[in-house]
Protein backbone atom coordinates (compact mmCIF):
# COMPACT_ATOMS: atom_id res chain seq x y z
CA MET A 1 35.91 -9.30 18.79
CA THR A 2 33.35 -11.92 17.77
CA LEU A 3 32.44 -12.08 14.11
CA LEU A 4 28.94 -13.12 13.08
CA ASP A 5 28.66 -16.19 10.93
CA PRO A 6 27.03 -14.98 7.68
CA ALA A 7 24.99 -18.17 7.64
CA THR A 8 23.35 -17.36 10.98
CA ALA A 9 23.45 -13.55 11.01
CA PRO A 10 20.01 -11.93 10.87
CA GLY A 11 18.83 -10.99 7.39
CA PHE A 12 18.13 -7.46 6.25
CA ALA A 13 14.38 -7.73 6.86
CA GLU A 14 14.93 -8.84 10.44
CA ARG A 15 17.42 -6.03 11.03
CA ILE A 16 14.90 -3.50 9.72
CA LYS A 17 12.30 -4.80 12.15
CA VAL A 18 14.65 -4.76 15.15
CA GLN A 19 16.21 -1.37 14.44
CA THR A 20 12.88 0.37 13.84
CA ASP A 21 10.87 -1.30 16.59
CA ASP A 22 11.10 1.64 19.03
CA ALA A 23 9.86 4.11 16.42
CA HIS A 24 7.10 1.71 15.43
CA ARG A 25 5.91 1.37 19.02
CA ARG A 26 5.86 5.12 19.54
CA THR A 27 3.65 5.50 16.49
CA GLU A 28 1.22 2.92 17.87
CA GLN A 29 0.65 5.03 20.97
CA SER A 30 -1.51 7.56 19.13
CA ARG A 31 -4.55 8.62 21.17
CA PHE A 32 -6.39 9.57 18.00
CA VAL A 33 -6.10 6.06 16.54
CA GLY A 34 -6.83 4.41 19.88
CA ASP A 35 -10.00 6.42 20.43
CA LEU A 36 -11.10 5.85 16.84
CA LEU A 37 -10.73 2.09 17.11
CA ALA A 38 -12.56 2.12 20.43
CA GLY A 39 -15.55 3.84 18.82
CA LYS A 40 -15.09 6.98 20.88
CA LEU A 41 -14.91 9.22 17.80
CA THR A 42 -17.42 9.96 15.07
CA PRO A 43 -17.16 8.53 11.55
CA ALA A 44 -15.87 11.96 10.52
CA ALA A 45 -12.64 11.11 12.35
CA HIS A 46 -12.23 8.00 10.24
CA ALA A 47 -12.82 10.06 7.10
CA ALA A 48 -10.22 12.60 8.28
CA LEU A 49 -7.64 9.86 8.79
CA LEU A 50 -8.35 8.33 5.38
CA ALA A 51 -8.15 11.73 3.70
CA GLN A 52 -4.62 12.34 5.00
CA THR A 53 -3.67 8.75 4.21
CA TYR A 54 -4.92 9.21 0.66
CA LEU A 55 -2.56 12.13 0.09
CA VAL A 56 0.38 9.98 1.18
CA TYR A 57 -0.55 7.01 -1.01
CA ARG A 58 -1.28 9.16 -4.04
CA THR A 59 2.30 10.41 -3.96
CA LEU A 60 3.87 7.07 -3.03
CA GLU A 61 2.12 5.22 -5.83
CA ASP A 62 2.98 7.92 -8.34
CA ALA A 63 6.63 7.52 -7.30
CA GLY A 64 6.31 3.77 -7.82
CA ARG A 65 5.17 4.31 -11.39
CA ALA A 66 8.11 6.69 -11.94
CA GLN A 67 10.61 4.05 -10.77
CA ALA A 68 8.84 0.94 -12.06
CA ASP A 69 11.78 -0.10 -14.26
CA ASP A 70 14.41 0.18 -11.55
CA PRO A 71 15.82 -3.25 -10.58
CA VAL A 72 15.65 -2.44 -6.85
CA VAL A 73 12.09 -1.17 -7.01
CA ALA A 74 10.50 -3.52 -9.55
CA PRO A 75 10.33 -6.69 -7.38
CA PHE A 76 8.21 -4.88 -4.78
CA LEU A 77 5.59 -3.45 -7.10
CA GLY A 78 2.27 -5.13 -7.73
CA THR A 79 -1.22 -3.97 -8.63
CA GLU A 80 -2.57 -6.11 -5.80
CA LEU A 81 -1.09 -3.64 -3.31
CA LEU A 82 -2.27 -0.34 -4.77
CA ARG A 83 -4.43 1.63 -2.33
CA THR A 84 -5.30 4.90 -4.07
CA ALA A 85 -8.48 3.60 -5.74
CA PRO A 86 -9.80 1.89 -2.58
CA LEU A 87 -9.14 5.07 -0.60
CA GLU A 88 -11.05 7.12 -3.17
CA ALA A 89 -13.98 4.71 -2.89
CA ASP A 90 -13.95 4.89 0.92
CA LEU A 91 -13.81 8.68 0.88
CA GLU A 92 -16.71 8.90 -1.55
CA PHE A 93 -18.72 6.59 0.72
CA LEU A 94 -17.88 8.60 3.84
CA LEU A 95 -17.92 12.16 2.46
CA GLY A 96 -19.98 12.02 -0.72
CA SER A 97 -19.23 12.64 -4.37
CA GLU A 98 -17.60 16.02 -3.68
CA TRP A 99 -15.10 14.53 -1.25
CA ARG A 100 -12.07 15.93 -3.08
CA ASP A 101 -13.15 19.44 -2.12
CA GLN A 102 -12.91 18.43 1.54
CA VAL A 103 -9.38 16.99 1.45
CA THR A 104 -6.65 19.39 2.56
CA ALA A 105 -3.23 18.32 3.78
CA LEU A 106 -2.51 18.92 7.44
CA PRO A 107 0.95 20.38 8.12
CA ALA A 108 2.38 16.98 9.09
CA THR A 109 0.89 15.37 5.98
CA ALA A 110 2.42 18.07 3.82
CA ARG A 111 5.82 17.33 5.37
CA TYR A 112 5.30 13.61 4.79
CA VAL A 113 4.41 14.18 1.12
CA ASP A 114 7.35 16.55 0.72
CA ARG A 115 9.69 13.85 2.03
CA LEU A 116 8.26 11.35 -0.43
CA LYS A 117 8.80 13.82 -3.26
CA GLU A 118 12.37 14.33 -2.02
CA VAL A 119 13.42 10.68 -1.86
CA ALA A 120 10.90 8.31 -3.45
CA TYR A 121 11.20 9.42 -7.08
CA ASP A 122 14.94 9.09 -7.60
CA TRP A 123 16.30 7.02 -4.70
CA PRO A 124 15.15 3.42 -5.27
CA ALA A 125 15.93 2.20 -1.76
CA GLY A 126 14.20 5.24 -0.30
CA PHE A 127 11.06 4.41 -2.23
CA VAL A 128 11.17 0.81 -0.99
CA ALA A 129 11.66 2.01 2.60
CA HIS A 130 8.39 3.95 2.43
CA HIS A 131 6.71 1.16 0.46
CA TYR A 132 7.71 -1.27 3.21
CA ILE A 133 6.30 0.71 6.12
CA ARG A 134 3.00 1.37 4.37
CA TYR A 135 2.07 -1.92 2.72
CA LEU A 136 3.45 -4.39 5.23
CA GLY A 137 1.65 -2.36 7.86
CA ASP A 138 -1.57 -2.55 5.85
CA LEU A 139 -1.24 -6.32 5.59
CA SER A 140 -0.44 -6.71 9.29
CA GLY A 141 -1.81 -4.22 11.80
CA GLY A 142 -4.14 -2.86 9.15
CA GLN A 143 -6.14 -6.07 9.27
CA ILE A 144 -6.61 -5.69 13.03
CA ILE A 145 -7.72 -2.09 12.46
CA ARG A 146 -10.22 -3.30 9.87
CA ARG A 147 -11.86 -5.70 12.32
CA MET A 148 -11.99 -3.09 15.08
CA LEU A 149 -13.59 -0.54 12.74
CA GLU A 150 -16.16 -3.14 11.72
CA ARG A 151 -17.13 -3.58 15.35
CA ALA A 152 -17.01 0.10 16.27
CA TYR A 153 -18.86 1.58 13.29
CA GLY A 154 -20.71 -1.28 11.63
CA TYR A 155 -18.82 -1.06 8.35
CA THR A 156 -18.69 -4.16 6.17
CA THR A 157 -17.03 -3.31 2.88
CA ASP A 158 -17.74 0.35 2.13
CA GLY A 159 -15.57 2.47 4.39
CA LEU A 160 -13.07 -0.37 4.76
CA ARG A 161 -11.90 -0.95 1.20
CA PHE A 162 -8.51 0.54 2.07
CA TYR A 163 -7.87 -2.46 4.33
CA ILE A 164 -9.21 -5.11 1.94
CA PHE A 165 -6.73 -6.91 -0.33
CA ASP A 166 -8.92 -9.15 -2.46
CA ALA A 167 -6.05 -10.22 -4.70
CA ILE A 168 -3.88 -11.44 -1.81
CA GLU A 169 -5.31 -14.75 -0.70
CA LYS A 170 -2.74 -15.51 2.00
CA PRO A 171 -1.26 -12.35 3.53
CA LYS A 172 1.28 -14.22 5.69
CA LEU A 173 2.82 -15.95 2.69
CA TYR A 174 2.82 -12.66 0.81
CA LYS A 175 4.58 -10.88 3.66
CA ASP A 176 7.14 -13.69 3.95
CA ALA A 177 7.89 -13.36 0.24
CA TYR A 178 8.17 -9.58 0.61
CA ARG A 179 10.72 -9.97 3.42
CA ALA A 180 12.68 -12.43 1.29
CA LYS A 181 12.85 -9.77 -1.43
CA LEU A 182 14.24 -7.32 1.13
CA ASP A 183 16.91 -9.84 2.09
CA ALA A 184 17.80 -10.27 -1.58
CA ALA A 185 17.79 -6.58 -2.49
CA PRO A 186 21.15 -5.53 -4.00
CA LEU A 187 22.01 -2.91 -1.41
CA SER A 188 25.39 -2.16 0.13
CA ASP A 189 25.81 -2.04 3.90
CA ASP A 190 25.71 1.76 3.80
CA GLU A 191 22.56 1.71 1.67
CA GLN A 192 20.91 -0.74 4.02
CA GLN A 193 21.58 1.58 6.95
CA ARG A 194 20.20 4.56 5.01
CA PHE A 195 17.12 2.45 4.32
CA ILE A 196 16.67 1.68 8.02
CA ASP A 197 17.13 5.35 8.89
CA GLU A 198 14.44 6.24 6.33
CA VAL A 199 12.02 3.71 7.83
CA ASN A 200 12.55 5.29 11.24
CA LEU A 201 11.87 8.71 9.73
CA ALA A 202 8.73 7.37 8.04
CA TYR A 203 7.41 6.18 11.40
CA GLU A 204 8.07 9.66 12.81
CA LEU A 205 6.20 11.23 9.91
CA ASN A 206 3.26 8.92 10.55
CA GLY A 207 3.32 9.79 14.22
CA ALA A 208 3.28 13.51 13.42
CA LEU A 209 0.30 12.98 11.11
CA PHE A 210 -1.59 11.28 13.94
CA ALA A 211 -0.62 14.11 16.30
CA ASP A 212 -2.04 16.70 13.90
CA LEU A 213 -5.32 14.78 13.78
CA GLU A 214 -5.30 14.48 17.56
CA ALA A 215 -5.03 18.26 17.89
CA ASP A 216 -8.64 18.45 16.71
CA ILE A 217 -9.87 15.40 18.59
CA ASP A 218 -12.49 17.33 20.57
CA THR A 219 -14.38 17.98 17.33
CA TYR A 220 -14.61 14.26 16.69
CA LEU A 221 -15.63 13.00 20.13
CA VAL A 222 -18.93 11.14 20.27
CA LYS A 223 -21.22 13.26 22.39
């Protein structure tokens, strides 16, 4: 049996990435998202995606406030990341001032929110697992999505505020620091594995949300 040298063994952040890569890739195969970014769907499809996303972030960020004093959670929180207000602005731009009346959770979104309510308010590592998948995704692939939506729909700022992080000047450095915090998080081996399992589940929940949107894709196709 070969033992890993602790000095060269992969850190927690790297293990998260490796052990959730398959689930991540499956989520990226969404037809709904692919067609949206290719400009094959109407702006209403973008609004529908943001509406479901808003329901997720509203719960996640409320959970963050509930656990703000926890030593595991606190290092990951920052006002520069918060997305609820930008999502509200985008939805008002896309749907009008009465946008809240048009936002209803799809079944998959309801399950996603239920899972957040189950784990993100009183399990610190569970909150961070969901925080990780959302915000590091926003700072990585989300920036590619932003540019593709700009090209496909002519948005500049309005409609894209969700993807704009004005307070983060250098996203790569920010993400590197975030991963360093993951490596330093005071979690046992068992807790780290539970965290990784929760990230995999979060990817599945995201994939189910995309699948629910895709079920109505014919209503969004550009004619």
